[in-house]
Protein backbone atom coordinates (compact mmCIF):
# COMPACT_ATOMS: atom_id res chain seq x y z
CA MET A 1 98.13 91.55 109.85
CA ASP A 2 99.60 87.73 110.19
CA HIS A 3 98.68 88.23 114.28
CA LEU A 4 95.40 89.19 113.35
CA VAL A 5 94.20 86.43 110.58
CA ASP A 6 96.16 84.02 113.10
CA LEU A 7 93.62 84.93 115.61
CA ALA A 8 90.63 85.40 113.54
CA ILE A 9 91.66 81.68 112.97
CA ARG A 10 91.58 80.40 116.44
CA LYS A 11 88.68 82.53 116.86
CA ARG A 12 86.14 80.60 114.31
CA LEU A 13 87.95 77.41 114.94
CA SER A 14 87.07 77.94 118.95
CA GLY A 15 83.54 77.69 118.41
CA PHE A 16 83.35 74.21 116.60
CA GLY A 17 82.54 71.37 118.05
CA LYS A 18 80.66 73.03 120.92
CA SER A 19 76.51 71.89 119.70
CA GLY A 20 78.06 68.32 118.17
CA ARG A 21 79.19 68.07 114.58
CA SER A 22 78.03 69.64 111.92
CA ILE A 23 78.73 70.35 108.26
CA ALA A 24 80.03 74.12 109.04
CA ASP A 25 83.10 72.76 111.19
CA ASP A 26 84.43 70.99 108.42
CA GLU A 27 84.29 73.36 105.95
CA PRO A 28 87.11 75.38 104.69
CA PHE A 29 86.87 79.50 105.01
CA PHE A 30 88.58 82.59 104.65
CA VAL A 31 90.28 85.23 106.47
CA ALA A 32 89.98 88.63 104.37
CA ASP A 33 91.70 91.91 105.68
CA LEU A 34 90.20 94.79 104.19
CA GLY A 35 93.04 96.91 105.37
CA GLN A 36 95.40 95.43 103.38
CA VAL A 37 93.28 96.18 100.32
CA ALA A 38 93.21 99.67 101.19
CA ARG A 39 97.34 99.48 101.50
CA GLN A 40 97.16 98.44 98.01
CA HIS A 41 94.94 101.30 97.09
CA ARG A 42 97.14 103.48 98.51
CA ARG A 43 100.53 101.77 96.54
CA TRP A 44 98.11 102.28 93.24
CA LYS A 45 97.52 105.99 93.87
CA SER A 46 101.78 106.50 94.85
CA ALA A 47 102.79 105.04 92.30
CA LEU A 48 100.43 105.27 89.18
CA PRO A 49 98.34 108.61 90.25
CA ASN A 50 97.06 109.54 86.62
CA VAL A 51 95.51 106.01 86.74
CA GLN A 52 92.30 104.92 87.92
CA PRO A 53 92.43 101.28 88.45
CA PHE A 54 88.86 99.84 87.26
CA TYR A 55 89.00 96.75 90.01
CA ALA A 56 88.40 93.65 87.67
CA VAL A 57 85.55 91.40 88.74
CA LYS A 58 86.28 88.24 87.49
CA CYS A 59 88.91 87.98 90.22
CA ASN A 60 87.30 87.85 93.32
CA THR A 61 83.34 88.74 93.17
CA ASP A 62 83.00 88.97 96.93
CA PRO A 63 80.35 91.76 97.49
CA THR A 64 81.94 92.98 100.44
CA LEU A 65 85.72 92.92 98.85
CA LEU A 66 83.21 95.35 95.56
CA LYS A 67 81.49 97.23 98.46
CA LEU A 68 85.08 98.44 99.57
CA LEU A 69 86.52 99.47 96.50
CA SER A 70 83.82 101.05 95.55
CA GLU A 71 84.18 103.32 98.13
CA LEU A 72 87.65 103.53 97.76
CA GLY A 73 86.92 105.64 94.31
CA THR A 74 87.96 102.48 91.52
CA GLY A 75 85.83 101.55 88.70
CA PHE A 76 84.76 98.13 87.56
CA ASP A 77 85.80 96.06 84.71
CA CYS A 78 82.47 93.61 83.94
CA ALA A 79 82.86 90.62 81.38
CA SER A 80 79.34 89.10 81.69
CA ILE A 81 75.45 90.15 83.02
CA GLU A 82 75.98 88.50 86.13
CA GLU A 83 79.24 90.67 87.13
CA LEU A 84 77.02 93.58 85.79
CA ARG A 85 74.35 93.54 87.41
CA GLY A 86 76.26 92.48 91.16
CA VAL A 87 78.07 95.31 90.73
CA LEU A 88 75.30 98.04 89.88
CA SER A 89 73.68 96.49 92.87
CA LEU A 90 76.02 97.44 95.40
CA GLY A 91 74.78 100.87 94.16
CA VAL A 92 77.82 101.85 91.62
CA ASP A 93 76.97 104.19 88.92
CA PRO A 94 77.05 103.01 85.52
CA SER A 95 79.67 105.55 84.73
CA ARG A 96 82.15 103.46 86.68
CA ILE A 97 81.93 100.37 84.83
CA VAL A 98 83.48 98.98 81.69
CA PHE A 99 81.73 96.74 79.64
CA ALA A 100 85.29 94.48 79.03
CA ASN A 101 84.63 91.66 77.01
CA PRO A 102 85.43 91.96 73.49
CA CYS A 103 82.77 89.76 72.18
CA LYS A 104 79.45 89.52 74.13
CA THR A 105 75.49 88.23 73.76
CA ALA A 106 73.36 89.96 71.91
CA SER A 107 71.64 89.59 75.13
CA SER A 108 74.26 91.46 77.54
CA LEU A 109 74.33 94.29 75.23
CA VAL A 110 70.59 95.08 75.04
CA PHE A 111 71.02 94.65 79.46
CA ALA A 112 73.98 97.23 79.12
CA ARG A 113 71.99 99.17 77.38
CA ARG A 114 69.14 99.42 79.25
CA VAL A 115 71.15 100.09 82.68
CA GLY A 116 73.14 102.72 81.42
CA VAL A 117 76.98 100.85 80.98
CA MET A 118 78.47 102.77 77.71
CA HIS A 119 81.70 101.84 77.34
CA THR A 120 82.45 98.24 75.76
CA THR A 121 85.35 96.61 74.02
CA PHE A 122 85.26 95.51 70.82
CA ASP A 123 88.39 93.73 68.58
CA ASN A 124 86.64 92.23 65.42
CA LEU A 125 84.03 93.12 62.90
CA ASP A 126 81.97 91.14 63.71
CA GLU A 127 81.14 92.50 67.38
CA LEU A 128 80.88 95.54 65.45
CA ASP A 129 77.68 94.43 63.90
CA THR A 130 76.01 93.30 66.83
CA ILE A 131 76.96 96.26 68.99
CA LYS A 132 74.95 98.15 65.96
CA THR A 133 72.14 96.29 66.09
CA TYR A 134 71.87 95.76 70.27
CA HIS A 135 73.67 99.10 71.34
CA PRO A 136 74.63 101.74 68.71
CA ASP A 137 74.79 104.79 71.39
CA ALA A 138 77.81 102.86 72.94
CA HIS A 139 81.26 104.53 73.31
CA LEU A 140 83.92 101.51 71.93
CA VAL A 141 86.91 101.12 73.06
CA LEU A 142 89.50 99.04 70.30
CA ARG A 143 91.53 96.62 71.99
CA ILE A 144 94.61 95.99 70.61
CA TYR A 145 97.23 92.84 70.49
CA ALA A 146 99.27 92.69 73.21
CA SER A 147 101.68 90.31 74.66
CA ASP A 148 103.87 89.53 78.00
CA ASP A 149 104.73 86.05 76.75
CA ASP A 150 106.18 85.50 80.17
CA ALA A 151 102.68 85.93 81.54
CA LEU A 152 100.79 83.44 84.32
CA ILE A 153 98.33 83.25 81.67
CA ASN A 154 99.10 85.36 78.01
CA PHE A 155 95.73 86.70 76.57
CA GLY A 156 97.14 87.18 72.81
CA GLU A 157 96.18 84.17 70.91
CA LYS A 158 92.39 85.04 71.81
CA PHE A 159 92.18 88.88 72.19
CA GLY A 160 93.25 91.92 71.04
CA ALA A 161 93.79 93.12 66.46
CA SER A 162 96.74 93.21 65.41
CA ILE A 163 98.17 96.50 64.27
CA GLU A 164 97.63 95.79 60.37
CA SER A 165 93.98 95.25 61.12
CA THR A 166 93.16 98.59 62.83
CA CYS A 167 92.30 100.87 60.06
CA SER A 168 89.93 98.18 58.60
CA LEU A 169 87.97 98.37 62.31
CA LEU A 170 88.06 101.39 62.59
CA LEU A 171 86.84 102.22 59.04
CA ARG A 172 83.86 99.64 59.64
CA ALA A 173 83.03 101.43 62.54
CA LYS A 174 82.71 104.81 60.95
CA GLU A 175 80.46 102.98 58.21
CA LEU A 176 78.46 102.03 60.87
CA ASN A 177 78.59 105.32 62.21
CA LEU A 178 79.27 103.73 65.74
CA ASN A 179 81.35 106.33 68.17
CA VAL A 180 84.57 104.93 68.90
CA THR A 181 86.30 106.39 71.71
CA GLY A 182 89.06 104.67 73.09
CA ILE A 183 91.88 102.09 72.45
CA SER A 184 92.08 99.35 75.44
CA PHE A 185 95.00 96.45 75.60
CA HIS A 186 95.73 93.61 78.24
CA VAL A 187 99.77 92.10 78.30
CA GLY A 188 98.61 88.87 80.38
CA SER A 189 97.56 87.83 83.81
CA GLY A 190 100.71 88.27 86.01
CA ALA A 191 102.72 90.39 84.00
CA ILE A 192 106.42 89.94 84.30
CA ASN A 193 107.99 92.26 81.56
CA ALA A 194 107.70 96.09 81.72
CA SER A 195 108.56 96.18 77.96
CA ALA A 196 104.94 94.86 77.01
CA PHE A 197 103.43 97.82 78.64
CA THR A 198 105.93 99.63 77.19
CA GLN A 199 104.81 98.59 73.46
CA ALA A 200 101.97 98.59 73.47
CA ILE A 201 100.92 101.97 74.84
CA LYS A 202 103.59 103.03 71.82
CA ASN A 203 100.91 100.86 69.80
CA ALA A 204 97.98 102.35 71.13
CA LYS A 205 99.50 105.84 70.37
CA ALA A 206 99.68 104.98 66.71
CA VAL A 207 96.15 103.64 66.84
CA PHE A 208 94.98 106.97 68.47
CA TYR A 209 96.40 108.63 65.34
CA GLN A 210 95.18 106.81 62.82
CA ALA A 211 91.31 106.62 64.89
CA ALA A 212 91.51 110.80 65.05
CA ASN A 213 92.62 110.65 61.28
CA LEU A 214 89.50 109.64 60.64
CA GLY A 215 87.64 112.24 62.87
CA PHE A 216 86.88 110.15 65.71
CA GLN A 217 87.44 112.17 69.18
CA MET A 218 89.68 110.05 71.15
CA THR A 219 89.28 109.96 75.41
CA LEU A 220 90.46 107.59 76.99
CA LEU A 221 93.16 104.90 77.27
CA ASP A 222 92.90 101.15 79.15
CA ILE A 223 95.76 99.64 79.54
CA GLY A 224 94.73 96.36 81.36
CA GLY A 225 95.92 94.25 84.03
CA GLY A 226 98.42 91.98 84.93
CA PHE A 227 99.73 94.03 88.08
CA GLN A 228 100.98 91.73 90.76
CA ASP A 229 102.70 92.61 94.28
CA SER A 230 106.08 91.16 93.51
CA ASN A 231 107.04 93.79 91.06
CA PHE A 232 104.27 96.31 91.13
CA GLU A 233 106.84 99.29 91.96
CA ARG A 234 109.30 98.05 88.66
CA ILE A 235 106.43 97.86 86.08
CA ALA A 236 104.69 100.87 87.53
CA SER A 237 107.48 103.32 87.18
CA SER A 238 108.13 102.30 83.44
CA VAL A 239 104.41 102.40 82.98
CA HIS A 240 104.11 105.58 84.33
CA GLN A 241 107.02 107.34 82.79
CA THR A 242 105.82 105.69 79.22
CA LEU A 243 102.35 107.41 79.84
CA CYS A 244 104.03 110.77 80.28
CA GLU A 245 105.95 110.58 77.55
CA GLU A 246 104.00 108.84 74.92
CA ILE A 247 100.18 109.39 75.67
CA PRO A 248 98.70 113.63 75.15
CA SER A 249 96.87 114.68 78.63
CA HIS A 250 94.06 115.10 77.39
CA ILE A 251 93.55 111.49 77.21
CA ARG A 252 91.62 109.69 80.84
CA ILE A 253 93.92 106.82 81.44
CA ILE A 254 91.96 103.68 83.31
CA ALA A 255 93.48 100.51 84.04
CA GLU A 256 91.95 96.95 84.84
CA PRO A 257 94.03 95.28 88.32
CA GLY A 258 92.82 92.20 89.64
CA ARG A 259 95.06 89.79 91.43
CA TYR A 260 96.90 93.00 93.01
CA TYR A 261 93.92 94.28 94.89
CA ALA A 262 92.57 90.44 96.28
CA ARG A 263 95.14 88.09 96.04
CA SER A 264 97.03 89.54 99.32
CA ALA A 265 93.58 90.04 101.60
CA TYR A 266 93.00 86.74 101.69
CA THR A 267 94.24 83.45 103.58
CA LEU A 268 92.06 80.41 103.04
CA ALA A 269 91.77 78.08 106.23
CA CYS A 270 91.22 74.44 105.08
CA LYS A 271 91.31 71.07 108.05
CA VAL A 272 93.20 68.07 107.72
CA ILE A 273 89.90 65.28 107.09
CA SER A 274 92.33 62.10 106.69
CA ARG A 275 96.06 60.81 106.61
CA ARG A 276 97.33 58.05 104.93
CA ARG A 277 100.62 57.14 106.42
CA GLN A 278 103.24 54.97 103.97
CA ILE A 279 103.46 52.26 106.63
CA GLY A 280 104.76 48.82 105.32
CA ASP A 281 103.79 49.36 101.20
CA PRO A 282 106.27 48.43 99.63
CA ARG A 283 104.71 50.86 96.22
CA LYS A 284 104.76 54.06 98.58
CA THR A 285 108.19 55.41 98.72
CA GLY A 286 107.15 58.88 99.07
CA PRO A 287 106.20 61.23 101.63
CA ASP A 288 102.66 60.37 104.09
CA MET A 289 99.33 61.83 102.38
CA LEU A 290 97.26 64.15 103.80
CA TYR A 291 94.05 65.07 102.30
CA GLN A 292 92.12 68.09 102.83
CA ASN A 293 88.42 69.90 102.59
CA ASP A 294 89.80 71.78 99.47
CA GLY A 295 91.52 71.09 96.37
CA VAL A 296 91.77 72.11 92.74
CA TYR A 297 88.28 71.90 91.93
CA GLY A 298 87.28 74.69 94.58
CA CYS A 299 90.01 77.24 95.64
CA PHE A 300 93.20 75.81 94.52
CA MET A 301 92.60 75.78 90.58
CA ASN A 302 95.85 77.81 90.44
CA VAL A 303 97.78 75.03 90.72
CA ILE A 304 96.79 73.71 87.19
CA VAL A 305 96.31 76.66 85.36
CA GLU A 306 98.83 78.93 86.90
CA LYS A 307 101.43 76.19 87.92
CA GLU A 308 101.13 77.53 91.18
CA ILE A 309 103.22 76.38 94.16
CA MET A 310 101.49 76.20 97.58
CA CYS A 311 103.30 76.82 100.82
CA PRO A 312 100.68 75.63 103.63
CA ILE A 313 101.21 76.43 107.22
CA LEU A 314 99.99 74.22 110.22
CA VAL A 315 97.76 76.74 111.94
CA THR A 316 98.72 75.97 115.91
CA PRO A 317 96.60 73.09 116.78
CA TYR A 318 94.05 73.77 119.53
CA ALA A 319 91.97 71.94 122.20
CA HIS A 320 89.38 69.62 120.35
CA SER A 321 86.20 68.34 121.18
CA HIS A 322 87.66 66.07 123.11
CA GLY A 323 89.70 68.26 125.29
CA GLU A 324 93.25 67.67 124.71
CA ASN A 325 95.63 68.02 121.56
CA ALA A 326 96.79 64.17 121.08
CA LYS A 327 100.33 64.34 120.93
CA ARG A 328 102.59 65.06 117.72
CA GLN A 329 106.06 63.90 116.66
CA GLN A 330 107.96 66.98 116.15
CA GLY A 331 110.18 68.51 113.72
CA GLU A 332 109.84 68.62 109.75
CA HIS A 333 107.59 65.95 108.13
CA ARG A 334 106.93 66.27 104.84
CA TYR A 335 103.78 65.54 103.00
CA SER A 336 102.16 65.51 100.06
CA ILE A 337 98.20 67.33 99.98
CA TRP A 338 95.15 66.26 98.55
CA GLY A 339 91.70 67.31 97.75
CA PRO A 340 88.39 66.22 98.85
CA THR A 341 87.55 64.69 95.56
CA CYS A 342 87.70 61.43 94.18
CA ASP A 343 89.87 62.73 91.26
CA SER A 344 93.78 61.28 91.28
CA THR A 345 94.41 64.87 89.94
CA ASP A 346 93.37 66.52 92.98
CA TYR A 347 96.79 67.16 94.71
CA VAL A 348 97.73 70.90 96.23
CA VAL A 349 100.67 70.14 96.78
CA ARG A 350 103.35 67.36 96.21
CA ASP A 351 106.33 67.35 98.82
CA ALA A 352 105.48 70.35 101.62
CA ALA A 353 107.48 70.56 104.86
CA LEU A 354 105.61 70.94 107.92
CA GLU A 355 107.24 71.91 111.47
CA SER A 356 105.61 68.68 112.82
CA GLU A 357 103.76 65.52 112.39
CA VAL A 358 99.92 66.63 111.28
CA LYS A 359 97.46 64.99 112.26
CA VAL A 360 93.19 64.43 111.08
CA GLY A 361 91.76 67.40 112.56
CA ASP A 362 94.69 69.76 112.19
CA TRP A 363 93.99 72.91 109.85
CA LEU A 364 96.36 74.44 107.52
CA LYS A 365 96.05 78.04 106.44
CA TYR A 366 97.23 79.26 102.60
CA LYS A 367 98.32 82.89 102.38
CA ASN A 368 97.48 85.15 99.36
CA MET A 369 94.54 83.26 98.54
CA GLY A 370 92.13 86.37 97.21
CA ALA A 371 93.05 85.58 93.32
CA TYR A 372 90.76 83.38 91.19
CA THR A 373 89.64 81.07 94.03
CA THR A 374 85.96 81.25 94.73
CA SER A 375 85.80 83.02 91.43
CA THR A 376 87.28 79.26 89.66
CA ALA A 377 85.89 76.99 92.05
CA THR A 378 83.68 73.86 90.90
CA GLN A 379 80.83 72.09 92.45
CA PHE A 380 82.41 68.91 91.28
CA ASN A 381 81.52 65.75 93.07
CA GLY A 382 79.18 67.45 94.94
CA PHE A 383 80.90 69.29 97.28
CA SER A 384 80.24 73.00 97.81
CA SER A 385 81.87 76.07 96.32
CA ASP A 386 80.25 78.56 98.58
CA ARG A 387 82.98 79.81 101.79
CA ALA A 388 82.28 80.93 104.52
CA VAL A 389 84.57 84.91 105.64
CA VAL A 390 86.15 86.09 108.25
CA TYR A 391 86.35 90.23 107.76
CA ILE A 392 89.43 91.60 109.57
CA ASP A 393 90.68 95.19 109.01
CA SER A 394 94.47 95.81 110.19
CA GLU A 395 93.98 99.25 109.48
CA SER A 396 91.44 99.56 112.05
CA GLU A 397 92.49 100.47 115.65
CA ASN A 398 91.38 97.31 117.10
CA GLY A 399 91.33 95.24 114.20
CA ALA A 400 87.98 94.37 114.73
CA MET A 401 86.67 90.85 113.08
CA LYS A 402 83.53 88.49 112.55
CA THR A 403 82.52 85.06 111.02
CA GLY A 404 81.26 86.49 107.57
CA ILE A 405 77.78 85.11 106.16
CA PRO A 406 78.63 82.51 103.51
CA TRP A 407 78.81 83.75 99.94
CA ASP A 408 75.90 82.75 98.60
CA LEU A 409 74.04 84.62 100.87
CA TYR A 410 75.99 87.75 100.19
CA VAL A 411 74.82 87.17 96.77
CA CYS A 412 71.18 86.73 97.29
CA GLN A 413 70.26 88.74 100.40
CA GLN A 414 72.19 92.05 100.01
CA THR A 415 70.24 92.92 102.96
CA GLU A 416 72.78 90.81 105.60
CA ILE A 417 75.88 92.54 104.12
CA ALA A 418 74.57 95.70 106.54
CA LYS A 419 74.02 93.48 109.69
CA VAL A 420 78.14 92.83 109.31
CA THR A 421 79.54 95.90 107.86
CA ALA A 422 79.79 99.63 109.29
CA PRO A 423 81.33 102.53 107.40
CA LEU A 424 84.81 103.66 108.99
CA LYS A 425 86.88 106.68 108.20
CA GLN A 426 88.34 106.77 104.79
CA GLY A 427 85.24 105.02 103.25
CA LEU A 428 86.82 101.54 104.40
CA TYR A 429 84.44 98.51 105.57
CA GLN A 430 84.64 96.75 108.97
CA ALA A 431 82.58 93.89 110.14
CA SER A 432 81.12 95.17 113.51
CA CYS A 433 81.26 92.79 116.66
C-alpha cells in the first residue's frame, strides 16, 4: 500500500509545472486507497459477523468512498438533510439509512419523511413532540446514555437519555401513538475501553424490557461508533461476546463506524510554501520553521480537537521546474510545521524530525488522514476547503490510479464520478486509466 501511495504522489507531482505555474500546483491533495477500505470491511465482517455497519457519513463525505461502501453492502448514518441527500443521490435505498441525530429540525424531518427514511433517533421529550408533528410514522430509536471517559471525543455530555428517564420517554411515546422500535447508544469517538460497550449493551437490554412491557415491538439495537484500527479486534471480541450473551437473536444489530473505515485509507500530501531559518535571531532557540499549504483550519483540525500528533514524511525529492534538485544537507533535521493562514495558532506539529533538510517546494505526506479532515475543513482566511483526490486500489492486479476530480465537482457533477470509476469484482471501484 505505501509503495502504491508513493507512486501516486510522484506521478501527480511529475505533472506539475509543465505549462507554467498554476493554482493546482500549490494545492494539497489526497491519495485514497479503495483497497484498504475493502480490507477494513472484511475485518469487520470477520470480527462482528452479526453487526451490520452503517457508515457515519460525517467522518468523510467523499462520494467515491460512499459509493464503494454502498457496493460493499453497508448502511449509512446521516445527521442532516445534506448528508441524506448525498447518500440518496448515489442510489442508496432509504431503508439503508438511519437518521441518527437525536435533535432534528422540523424541515429535516419533513425531508426524511418525503424521501422514505423511516428510522430516526430521539433522547428527549420535546423531540417526540416534533416527530409527532412532522414524521409521525417514523420508526423511533431511543438513544440512551453511554460513555467511554477515555475516548477521543466523549458524546455523553450532549446526547443520550439516562436509564432513570427512559421509562418516562417510552410512556410519552406511547401517549403520542409513536412507534418505538429500537435502542441506540454511542460510547464516544475513538473508544478505548471495551467495558463501556459492555455496560451500554446491558443497559440497552434493560430498556428493551421496559419497552416490551409497554407493548412496543422492539427489533433494532444500534451500538454506535468509536471503533478504530489500534484496538479493533480487542473491542470487537468483547462486544461480540456480550451481544451473544445479552441480546435476543431476533434483534437486528447495527453500528455506526466512521474513522474505522476512512482513516487509514487516505494519505495527504502538502507542499512546503516557505521556510524560516532561526539564524541570528536571539529570540528563537527552537527548530527551523516550515510553512505548508494546509493547516488546522483545513485538514488538520484534529490537532486541536483530538490533540493528534502528526508525523510528516518527506516525499523523495523530485525534479523541480528548473531541472535539478537543489543540494540539501543530509541527516536528521528538526522543524516546527505551520499552516498557511495568518493565525499564530495554525501549527501542525511543534517539533518534527525529518531525514534531511527540507526546502521550499518540497512535499510532505501524512498518513491516516481520512477521518474528520475534509469534513471539518474551513475556508478561513480565504483558503479553499476543496481537495483533489488520487484514487488507487491495492486490491486490484495493477493498483491502477488516476488523478481525481476536485471534491466540489463530486458534489455538483455526479456524472463525473462515472468518468473516473469503473466497477470491479467483489463490488469494488477503481479509477480507470
